[in-house]
Amino acid sequence: MLNHEIDPEALRPLVPRGVVLDTWNGMTLVSMVGFEFLDTRLLGVPVPFHRHFDEINLRFYVRRDTPDGPRRGVVFVKEIVPRPALAAVARLAYGERYVSRPMRHRIDLADDGATPAGLVGYAWYDGGSWHRLHATTTGEAHLPAAGSQEEFVTEHYWGYAAQRDGGCVEYRVEHPRWNVWRAADARLDCDVAQVYGPRFTEALEADPVSAFVADGSPVTVRAGARLDSGHSGTMAP
């Protein structure tokens, strides 16, 4: 997870109806995230040849206030997966911005064969060249401290997707808290304007304000529901 500060005005046109931008200590963040899906199931059923695959996404953070308290979530700018069928199902089910591109990854593991220990990197091929994000783990894994940027980035448990008709779909993402390693030599090598558009160039071409590697866990993505009221475009405290 590579996290960059961005001018909130660059994101405001992308905020779905019914939510507001969420900030950490007054800072508006976008995150480049690379990870592996393992043993993926659709409605509990494994899909042959589509169970293990990489994803790279660019996301930012929002919040919706409800009578039961705030729901802190993410909005995906673009999600990249290696197979067209995966992208098509995600677009159909959630209205998310999925595309398919050739992908590859490298994850150095410790002697146990499961724990990241060294370089973690993901890459995708787009527009005639390879782009990638990578970092090297340092120190020991730990649970994010309360109020930390690590906690803010990893503990948003809702997804929000703007729909073609101007509405918004909300869905819940369930997983336990993740351990994280701090990261060194974190870098995004990417033609940002080509892949994500000029609104993200300044933010993503700058050094990340933080970078870390999370261990991941089983994750459940619940079915989405439409939000048909509310208004977007203001900043959340």
C-alpha atoms as a PDB file:
ATOM      1  CA  MET A   1       0.000   0.000   0.000  1.00  0.00           C
ATOM      2  CA  LEU A   2       1.573   3.258  -1.238  1.00  0.00           C
ATOM      3  CA  ASN A   3      -0.260   6.306   0.089  1.00  0.00           C
ATOM      4  CA  HIS A   4      -0.044   9.752  -1.503  1.00  0.00           C
ATOM      5  CA  GLU A   5      -1.449  13.118  -0.471  1.00  0.00           C
ATOM      6  CA  ILE A   6      -3.692  14.744  -3.077  1.00  0.00           C
ATOM      7  CA  ASP A   7      -5.533  18.033  -3.526  1.00  0.00           C
ATOM      8  CA  PRO A   8      -9.148  17.230  -2.571  1.00  0.00           C
ATOM      9  CA  GLU A   9     -10.371  19.253  -5.555  1.00  0.00           C
ATOM     10  CA  ALA A  10      -8.886  16.585  -7.840  1.00  0.00           C
ATOM     11  CA  LEU A  11     -11.169  13.975  -6.249  1.00  0.00           C
ATOM     12  CA  ARG A  12     -14.337  15.957  -5.744  1.00  0.00           C
ATOM     13  CA  PRO A  13     -15.851  15.170  -9.191  1.00  0.00           C
ATOM     14  CA  LEU A  14     -15.340  11.445  -8.451  1.00  0.00           C
ATOM     15  CA  VAL A  15     -17.116  11.384  -5.063  1.00  0.00           C
ATOM     16  CA  PRO A  16     -20.320   9.302  -5.364  1.00  0.00           C
ATOM     17  CA  ARG A  17     -23.645  10.758  -4.306  1.00  0.00           C
ATOM     18  CA  GLY A  18     -24.388  10.245  -0.623  1.00  0.00           C
ATOM     19  CA  VAL A  19     -20.831  10.218   0.761  1.00  0.00           C
ATOM     20  CA  VAL A  20     -18.152  12.809   1.580  1.00  0.00           C
ATOM     21  CA  LEU A  21     -14.383  12.752   1.373  1.00  0.00           C
ATOM     22  CA  ASP A  22     -12.754  11.318   4.481  1.00  0.00           C
ATOM     23  CA  THR A  23      -9.438  12.706   5.712  1.00  0.00           C
ATOM     24  CA  TRP A  24      -6.662  11.678   8.084  1.00  0.00           C
ATOM     25  CA  ASN A  25      -5.433  14.568  10.268  1.00  0.00           C
ATOM     26  CA  GLY A  26      -6.678  16.949   7.596  1.00  0.00           C
ATOM     27  CA  MET A  27      -4.831  15.094   4.817  1.00  0.00           C
ATOM     28  CA  THR A  28      -6.651  13.754   1.748  1.00  0.00           C
ATOM     29  CA  LEU A  29      -5.092  10.485   0.588  1.00  0.00           C
ATOM     30  CA  VAL A  30      -5.116   8.232  -2.446  1.00  0.00           C
ATOM     31  CA  SER A  31      -3.602   4.751  -2.231  1.00  0.00           C
ATOM     32  CA  MET A  32      -2.040   2.436  -4.776  1.00  0.00           C
ATOM     33  CA  VAL A  33      -2.706  -1.114  -3.579  1.00  0.00           C
ATOM     34  CA  GLY A  34      -1.443  -4.395  -5.011  1.00  0.00           C
ATOM     35  CA  PHE A  35      -2.542  -7.774  -3.664  1.00  0.00           C
ATOM     36  CA  GLU A  36      -3.392 -11.383  -4.430  1.00  0.00           C
ATOM     37  CA  PHE A  37      -6.840 -12.947  -4.442  1.00  0.00           C
ATOM     38  CA  LEU A  38      -6.558 -16.560  -3.271  1.00  0.00           C
ATOM     39  CA  ASP A  39      -9.313 -19.217  -3.317  1.00  0.00           C
ATOM     40  CA  THR A  40     -11.853 -16.709  -4.638  1.00  0.00           C
ATOM     41  CA  ARG A  41     -15.515 -17.728  -4.642  1.00  0.00           C
ATOM     42  CA  LEU A  42     -18.579 -16.115  -6.181  1.00  0.00           C
ATOM     43  CA  LEU A  43     -21.668 -16.626  -4.007  1.00  0.00           C
ATOM     44  CA  GLY A  44     -19.685 -19.339  -2.235  1.00  0.00           C
ATOM     45  CA  VAL A  45     -18.855 -21.223  -5.430  1.00  0.00           C
ATOM     46  CA  PRO A  46     -15.284 -21.437  -6.787  1.00  0.00           C
ATOM     47  CA  VAL A  47     -15.009 -20.464 -10.460  1.00  0.00           C
ATOM     48  CA  PRO A  48     -12.545 -22.682 -12.376  1.00  0.00           C
ATOM     49  CA  PHE A  49      -9.400 -20.874 -13.567  1.00  0.00           C
ATOM     50  CA  HIS A  50     -10.467 -17.688 -11.759  1.00  0.00           C
ATOM     51  CA  ARG A  51      -9.646 -18.473  -8.127  1.00  0.00           C
ATOM     52  CA  HIS A  52      -6.107 -17.068  -7.806  1.00  0.00           C
ATOM     53  CA  PHE A  53      -5.189 -13.753  -9.394  1.00  0.00           C
ATOM     54  CA  ASP A  54      -3.600 -10.359  -8.771  1.00  0.00           C
ATOM     55  CA  GLU A  55      -5.290  -6.986  -8.468  1.00  0.00           C
ATOM     56  CA  ILE A  56      -3.905  -3.470  -8.478  1.00  0.00           C
ATOM     57  CA  ASN A  57      -6.194  -0.609  -7.583  1.00  0.00           C
ATOM     58  CA  LEU A  58      -6.132   3.129  -7.043  1.00  0.00           C
ATOM     59  CA  ARG A  59      -8.541   4.220  -4.338  1.00  0.00           C
ATOM     60  CA  PHE A  60      -9.508   7.128  -2.099  1.00  0.00           C
ATOM     61  CA  TYR A  61     -11.420   7.401   1.164  1.00  0.00           C
ATOM     62  CA  VAL A  62     -14.960   8.522   1.950  1.00  0.00           C
ATOM     63  CA  ARG A  63     -17.467   8.497   4.776  1.00  0.00           C
ATOM     64  CA  ARG A  64     -21.232   8.239   5.096  1.00  0.00           C
ATOM     65  CA  ASP A  65     -22.931   9.299   8.319  1.00  0.00           C
ATOM     66  CA  THR A  66     -25.839   7.075   9.371  1.00  0.00           C
ATOM     67  CA  PRO A  67     -28.102   6.900  12.446  1.00  0.00           C
ATOM     68  CA  ASP A  68     -25.927   3.969  13.591  1.00  0.00           C
ATOM     69  CA  GLY A  69     -22.702   5.924  13.229  1.00  0.00           C
ATOM     70  CA  PRO A  70     -20.253   6.725  10.430  1.00  0.00           C
ATOM     71  CA  ARG A  71     -19.482   4.204   7.708  1.00  0.00           C
ATOM     72  CA  ARG A  72     -15.931   4.698   6.499  1.00  0.00           C
ATOM     73  CA  GLY A  73     -15.314   3.397   3.021  1.00  0.00           C
ATOM     74  CA  VAL A  74     -13.315   3.533  -0.167  1.00  0.00           C
ATOM     75  CA  VAL A  75     -13.987   4.556  -3.751  1.00  0.00           C
ATOM     76  CA  PHE A  76     -11.999   2.837  -6.474  1.00  0.00           C
ATOM     77  CA  VAL A  77     -10.716   4.959  -9.334  1.00  0.00           C
ATOM     78  CA  LYS A  78      -9.540   1.943 -11.339  1.00  0.00           C
ATOM     79  CA  GLU A  79      -9.095  -1.759 -10.551  1.00  0.00           C
ATOM     80  CA  ILE A  80      -6.806  -3.857 -12.711  1.00  0.00           C
ATOM     81  CA  VAL A  81      -7.057  -7.658 -12.926  1.00  0.00           C
ATOM     82  CA  PRO A  82      -5.487 -10.114 -15.383  1.00  0.00           C
ATOM     83  CA  ARG A  83      -8.583 -11.748 -16.894  1.00  0.00           C
ATOM     84  CA  PRO A  84     -11.428 -10.117 -18.878  1.00  0.00           C
ATOM     85  CA  ALA A  85     -14.099 -12.306 -17.247  1.00  0.00           C
ATOM     86  CA  LEU A  86     -13.120 -11.060 -13.773  1.00  0.00           C
ATOM     87  CA  ALA A  87     -13.386  -7.442 -14.873  1.00  0.00           C
ATOM     88  CA  ALA A  88     -16.752  -8.054 -16.550  1.00  0.00           C
ATOM     89  CA  VAL A  89     -18.302  -9.724 -13.479  1.00  0.00           C
ATOM     90  CA  ALA A  90     -17.107  -6.951 -11.141  1.00  0.00           C
ATOM     91  CA  ARG A  91     -18.437  -4.236 -13.442  1.00  0.00           C
ATOM     92  CA  LEU A  92     -21.799  -6.006 -13.657  1.00  0.00           C
ATOM     93  CA  ALA A  93     -22.140  -6.847  -9.939  1.00  0.00           C
ATOM     94  CA  TYR A  94     -20.977  -3.560  -8.414  1.00  0.00           C
ATOM     95  CA  GLY A  95     -20.558  -1.031 -11.219  1.00  0.00           C
ATOM     96  CA  GLU A  96     -16.871  -0.791 -10.324  1.00  0.00           C
ATOM     97  CA  ARG A  97     -14.200   0.478 -12.726  1.00  0.00           C
ATOM     98  CA  TYR A  98     -12.464  -2.818 -13.539  1.00  0.00           C
ATOM     99  CA  VAL A  99     -10.201  -3.378 -16.527  1.00  0.00           C
ATOM    100  CA  SER A 100      -8.091  -6.390 -17.535  1.00  0.00           C
ATOM    101  CA  ARG A 101      -4.370  -6.193 -18.297  1.00  0.00           C
ATOM    102  CA  PRO A 102      -1.474  -8.665 -18.320  1.00  0.00           C
ATOM    103  CA  MET A 103      -0.067  -8.809 -14.774  1.00  0.00           C
ATOM    104  CA  ARG A 104       2.739 -10.325 -12.720  1.00  0.00           C
ATOM    105  CA  HIS A 105       4.064 -10.118  -9.172  1.00  0.00           C
ATOM    106  CA  ARG A 106       7.036 -10.915  -6.982  1.00  0.00           C
ATOM    107  CA  ILE A 107       6.784 -11.604  -3.251  1.00  0.00           C
ATOM    108  CA  ASP A 108       9.900 -12.584  -1.296  1.00  0.00           C
ATOM    109  CA  LEU A 109       8.963 -14.891   1.575  1.00  0.00           C
ATOM    110  CA  ALA A 110      10.571 -15.847   4.868  1.00  0.00           C
ATOM    111  CA  ASP A 111      11.634 -19.402   5.664  1.00  0.00           C
ATOM    112  CA  ASP A 112       8.054 -20.283   6.663  1.00  0.00           C
ATOM    113  CA  GLY A 113       7.001 -19.839   3.025  1.00  0.00           C
ATOM    114  CA  ALA A 114       4.117 -17.558   3.944  1.00  0.00           C
ATOM    115  CA  THR A 115       5.419 -14.354   5.556  1.00  0.00           C
ATOM    116  CA  PRO A 116       6.586 -11.466   3.349  1.00  0.00           C
ATOM    117  CA  ALA A 117      10.274 -10.769   3.974  1.00  0.00           C
ATOM    118  CA  GLY A 118      11.886  -8.506   1.414  1.00  0.00           C
ATOM    119  CA  LEU A 119      10.585  -7.189  -1.878  1.00  0.00           C
ATOM    120  CA  VAL A 120       6.846  -7.130  -2.565  1.00  0.00           C
ATOM    121  CA  GLY A 121       5.933  -5.907  -6.029  1.00  0.00           C
ATOM    122  CA  TYR A 122       3.076  -5.974  -8.535  1.00  0.00           C
ATOM    123  CA  ALA A 123       3.184  -5.003 -12.211  1.00  0.00           C
ATOM    124  CA  TRP A 124       0.810  -4.604 -15.145  1.00  0.00           C
ATOM    125  CA  TYR A 125       1.219  -4.040 -18.872  1.00  0.00           C
ATOM    126  CA  ASP A 126      -0.619  -1.086 -20.375  1.00  0.00           C
ATOM    127  CA  GLY A 127      -0.053   1.147 -23.384  1.00  0.00           C
ATOM    128  CA  GLY A 128       3.005  -0.704 -24.639  1.00  0.00           C
ATOM    129  CA  SER A 129       4.994  -0.782 -21.389  1.00  0.00           C
ATOM    130  CA  TRP A 130       5.119  -2.337 -17.931  1.00  0.00           C
ATOM    131  CA  HIS A 131       4.141  -0.300 -14.856  1.00  0.00           C
ATOM    132  CA  ARG A 132       4.729  -1.406 -11.280  1.00  0.00           C
ATOM    133  CA  LEU A 133       4.565  -0.610  -7.565  1.00  0.00           C
ATOM    134  CA  HIS A 134       6.950  -2.165  -5.094  1.00  0.00           C
ATOM    135  CA  ALA A 135       8.359  -1.877  -1.590  1.00  0.00           C
ATOM    136  CA  THR A 136      10.658  -3.782   0.770  1.00  0.00           C
ATOM    137  CA  THR A 137       9.391  -4.845   4.183  1.00  0.00           C
ATOM    138  CA  THR A 138      11.292  -3.720   7.271  1.00  0.00           C
ATOM    139  CA  GLY A 139      11.044  -4.631  10.948  1.00  0.00           C
ATOM    140  CA  GLU A 140       8.393  -6.796  12.544  1.00  0.00           C
ATOM    141  CA  ALA A 141       4.707  -7.004  11.716  1.00  0.00           C
ATOM    142  CA  HIS A 142       2.376  -5.154  14.084  1.00  0.00           C
ATOM    143  CA  LEU A 143      -1.245  -4.122  14.425  1.00  0.00           C
ATOM    144  CA  PRO A 144      -1.729  -0.473  13.453  1.00  0.00           C
ATOM    145  CA  ALA A 145      -1.858   1.923  16.382  1.00  0.00           C
ATOM    146  CA  ALA A 146      -5.149   3.657  17.116  1.00  0.00           C
ATOM    147  CA  GLY A 147      -5.396   6.871  15.136  1.00  0.00           C
ATOM    148  CA  SER A 148      -2.429   6.052  12.918  1.00  0.00           C
ATOM    149  CA  GLN A 149      -2.359   6.470   9.162  1.00  0.00           C
ATOM    150  CA  GLU A 150      -1.897   2.703   8.882  1.00  0.00           C
ATOM    151  CA  GLU A 151      -5.176   2.182  10.746  1.00  0.00           C
ATOM    152  CA  PHE A 152      -6.962   4.770   8.579  1.00  0.00           C
ATOM    153  CA  VAL A 153      -5.857   3.145   5.330  1.00  0.00           C
ATOM    154  CA  THR A 154      -6.498  -0.485   6.289  1.00  0.00           C
ATOM    155  CA  GLU A 155      -9.703  -0.148   8.320  1.00  0.00           C
ATOM    156  CA  HIS A 156     -12.307   1.234   5.940  1.00  0.00           C
ATOM    157  CA  TYR A 157     -14.933  -1.500   5.750  1.00  0.00           C
ATOM    158  CA  TRP A 158     -17.352  -0.194   3.100  1.00  0.00           C
ATOM    159  CA  GLY A 159     -17.157   0.265  -0.646  1.00  0.00           C
ATOM    160  CA  TYR A 160     -18.981   2.944  -2.640  1.00  0.00           C
ATOM    161  CA  ALA A 161     -19.385   2.886  -6.408  1.00  0.00           C
ATOM    162  CA  ALA A 162     -20.951   5.630  -8.516  1.00  0.00           C
ATOM    163  CA  GLN A 163     -23.428   4.306 -11.082  1.00  0.00           C
ATOM    164  CA  ARG A 164     -24.043   5.399 -14.660  1.00  0.00           C
ATOM    165  CA  ASP A 165     -27.413   6.926 -13.749  1.00  0.00           C
ATOM    166  CA  GLY A 166     -25.872   9.118 -11.039  1.00  0.00           C
ATOM    167  CA  GLY A 167     -26.769   6.831  -8.128  1.00  0.00           C
ATOM    168  CA  CYS A 168     -24.431   5.020  -5.762  1.00  0.00           C
ATOM    169  CA  VAL A 169     -24.055   1.410  -4.617  1.00  0.00           C
ATOM    170  CA  GLU A 170     -22.850   0.694  -1.075  1.00  0.00           C
ATOM    171  CA  TYR A 171     -21.415  -2.683  -0.073  1.00  0.00           C
ATOM    172  CA  ARG A 172     -19.756  -4.047   3.049  1.00  0.00           C
ATOM    173  CA  VAL A 173     -16.273  -5.573   3.141  1.00  0.00           C
ATOM    174  CA  GLU A 174     -15.621  -7.815   6.144  1.00  0.00           C
ATOM    175  CA  HIS A 175     -12.185  -8.860   7.389  1.00  0.00           C
ATOM    176  CA  PRO A 176     -10.252  -8.912  10.663  1.00  0.00           C
ATOM    177  CA  ARG A 177      -7.633  -6.272  11.429  1.00  0.00           C
ATOM    178  CA  TRP A 178      -4.446  -6.747   9.430  1.00  0.00           C
ATOM    179  CA  ASN A 179      -0.880  -6.795  10.671  1.00  0.00           C
ATOM    180  CA  VAL A 180       1.408  -4.452   8.755  1.00  0.00           C
ATOM    181  CA  TRP A 181       5.107  -4.107   8.076  1.00  0.00           C
ATOM    182  CA  ARG A 182       6.657  -0.727   7.463  1.00  0.00           C
ATOM    183  CA  ALA A 183       8.214  -0.469   4.023  1.00  0.00           C
ATOM    184  CA  ALA A 184      11.393   0.966   2.571  1.00  0.00           C
ATOM    185  CA  ASP A 185      12.297   1.798  -1.034  1.00  0.00           C
ATOM    186  CA  ALA A 186       8.592   2.194  -1.818  1.00  0.00           C
ATOM    187  CA  ARG A 187       8.015   3.358  -5.363  1.00  0.00           C
ATOM    188  CA  LEU A 188       5.446   3.623  -8.132  1.00  0.00           C
ATOM    189  CA  ASP A 189       6.891   3.378 -11.646  1.00  0.00           C
ATOM    190  CA  CYS A 190       3.987   4.346 -13.876  1.00  0.00           C
ATOM    191  CA  ASP A 191       2.929   6.657 -16.686  1.00  0.00           C
ATOM    192  CA  VAL A 192       0.300   8.189 -14.426  1.00  0.00           C
ATOM    193  CA  ALA A 193      -1.297  10.477 -16.999  1.00  0.00           C
ATOM    194  CA  GLN A 194      -1.794   7.583 -19.425  1.00  0.00           C
ATOM    195  CA  VAL A 195      -3.104   5.049 -16.902  1.00  0.00           C
ATOM    196  CA  TYR A 196      -5.080   7.234 -14.468  1.00  0.00           C
ATOM    197  CA  GLY A 197      -5.416  10.648 -16.100  1.00  0.00           C
ATOM    198  CA  PRO A 198      -3.791  14.021 -15.474  1.00  0.00           C
ATOM    199  CA  ARG A 199      -5.754  14.769 -12.288  1.00  0.00           C
ATOM    200  CA  PHE A 200      -3.560  12.190 -10.491  1.00  0.00           C
ATOM    201  CA  THR A 201      -0.187  13.075 -12.008  1.00  0.00           C
ATOM    202  CA  GLU A 202       1.061  15.505  -9.356  1.00  0.00           C
ATOM    203  CA  ALA A 203       0.059  13.291  -6.432  1.00  0.00           C
ATOM    204  CA  LEU A 204       1.264   9.935  -7.744  1.00  0.00           C
ATOM    205  CA  GLU A 205       4.530  11.208  -9.196  1.00  0.00           C
ATOM    206  CA  ALA A 206       5.501  12.565  -5.768  1.00  0.00           C
ATOM    207  CA  ASP A 207       7.031  10.343  -3.083  1.00  0.00           C
ATOM    208  CA  PRO A 208       4.402   8.510  -1.008  1.00  0.00           C
ATOM    209  CA  VAL A 209       3.696   9.981   2.430  1.00  0.00           C
ATOM    210  CA  SER A 210       3.635   6.427   3.798  1.00  0.00           C
ATOM    211  CA  ALA A 211       4.044   2.866   2.584  1.00  0.00           C
ATOM    212  CA  PHE A 212       3.499  -0.488   4.226  1.00  0.00           C
ATOM    213  CA  VAL A 213       2.735  -4.142   3.512  1.00  0.00           C
ATOM    214  CA  ALA A 214      -0.291  -5.855   5.094  1.00  0.00           C
ATOM    215  CA  ASP A 215      -0.589  -9.585   5.713  1.00  0.00           C
ATOM    216  CA  GLY A 216      -4.177  -9.868   4.478  1.00  0.00           C
ATOM    217  CA  SER A 217      -6.812 -12.371   5.581  1.00  0.00           C
ATOM    218  CA  PRO A 218     -10.029 -14.041   4.480  1.00  0.00           C
ATOM    219  CA  VAL A 219     -12.338 -11.313   3.151  1.00  0.00           C
ATOM    220  CA  THR A 220     -16.083 -11.318   2.483  1.00  0.00           C
ATOM    221  CA  VAL A 221     -17.606  -8.776   0.090  1.00  0.00           C
ATOM    222  CA  ARG A 222     -21.354  -8.471   0.673  1.00  0.00           C
ATOM    223  CA  ALA A 223     -23.951  -7.757  -2.000  1.00  0.00           C
ATOM    224  CA  GLY A 224     -24.411  -4.072  -2.741  1.00  0.00           C
ATOM    225  CA  ALA A 225     -27.430  -1.865  -2.096  1.00  0.00           C
ATOM    226  CA  ARG A 226     -28.324   1.394  -3.818  1.00  0.00           C
ATOM    227  CA  LEU A 227     -28.236   4.735  -2.054  1.00  0.00           C
ATOM    228  CA  ASP A 228     -30.879   6.875  -3.685  1.00  0.00           C
ATOM    229  CA  SER A 229     -30.592   9.972  -1.535  1.00  0.00           C
ATOM    230  CA  GLY A 230     -27.919  12.158  -0.076  1.00  0.00           C
ATOM    231  CA  HIS A 231     -25.447  14.587  -1.556  1.00  0.00           C
ATOM    232  CA  SER A 232     -21.732  14.481  -2.135  1.00  0.00           C
ATOM    233  CA  GLY A 233     -18.933  16.957  -2.540  1.00  0.00           C
ATOM    234  CA  THR A 234     -18.094  18.306   0.934  1.00  0.00           C
ATOM    235  CA  MET A 235     -15.242  17.448   3.236  1.00  0.00           C
ATOM    236  CA  ALA A 236     -15.747  15.263   6.309  1.00  0.00           C
ATOM    237  CA  PRO A 237     -14.027  16.391   9.506  1.00  0.00           C
END
